[in-house]
């Protein structure tokens, strides 16, 4: 991913937070016999404590992630041990109207957060290894995105559905983050953009405003 200097993360926590908070990623790999690429949206979570020790400007290199998809998905059948793959995490995004700038001439644009994670994929065996990914995914989502739901009563149901689940780990070898949040604009204009987005009726715009405030 091409990332202009203005939009590169200035702290590794930015990309780590995007991966941790988004949860849903786009998995992209080559198809069988180098045919058309395959892409699947799937839940992806940090695995163990490896996110704490990741390196690089994104703090993700060396980390391990885990995800799962439907075994009936042809993409699962095409996955190979150690295959190179890409995970794309999409963060908040919003259209930026020139009216927000308060100056002329101006041009519209789009503010957004995106993190591209490159690495190798490692399909897991059925049974306990896959079930552990499901349990950990539920715990992770409920802690960061849910209401703290207790899965105990549903564990027998998890065991029923696990044969249909294809789980994998993903070892990160490279990562880029693009945080396009009007950094190239003078502070007064950036403040006007943030204020306009914060007052928007669109949830995505308000999320971008909050992200702009969070990262200064």
Foldseek 3Di string as FASTA:
>chain_A
DDAPPLFFDPALVVLVCLLLQQQWKKKWAAFPPRPDIDIDIWGKHWDDCQLVCADDRNSAAQTKMKIKDFPVPSVLVRADFFGKIKIKGWFFKDKFDPVLQVDPDDDIDMFTKMKMFIFTKHKDDFDPVQLVSVVVSVCSCCVNPNVVDDCVVCSVVSVVCRVRMIMIMTRTHDMTMGGRQPSVDPPVSSVSQLVVLCPDPDPSSVRSSVVNVVSD
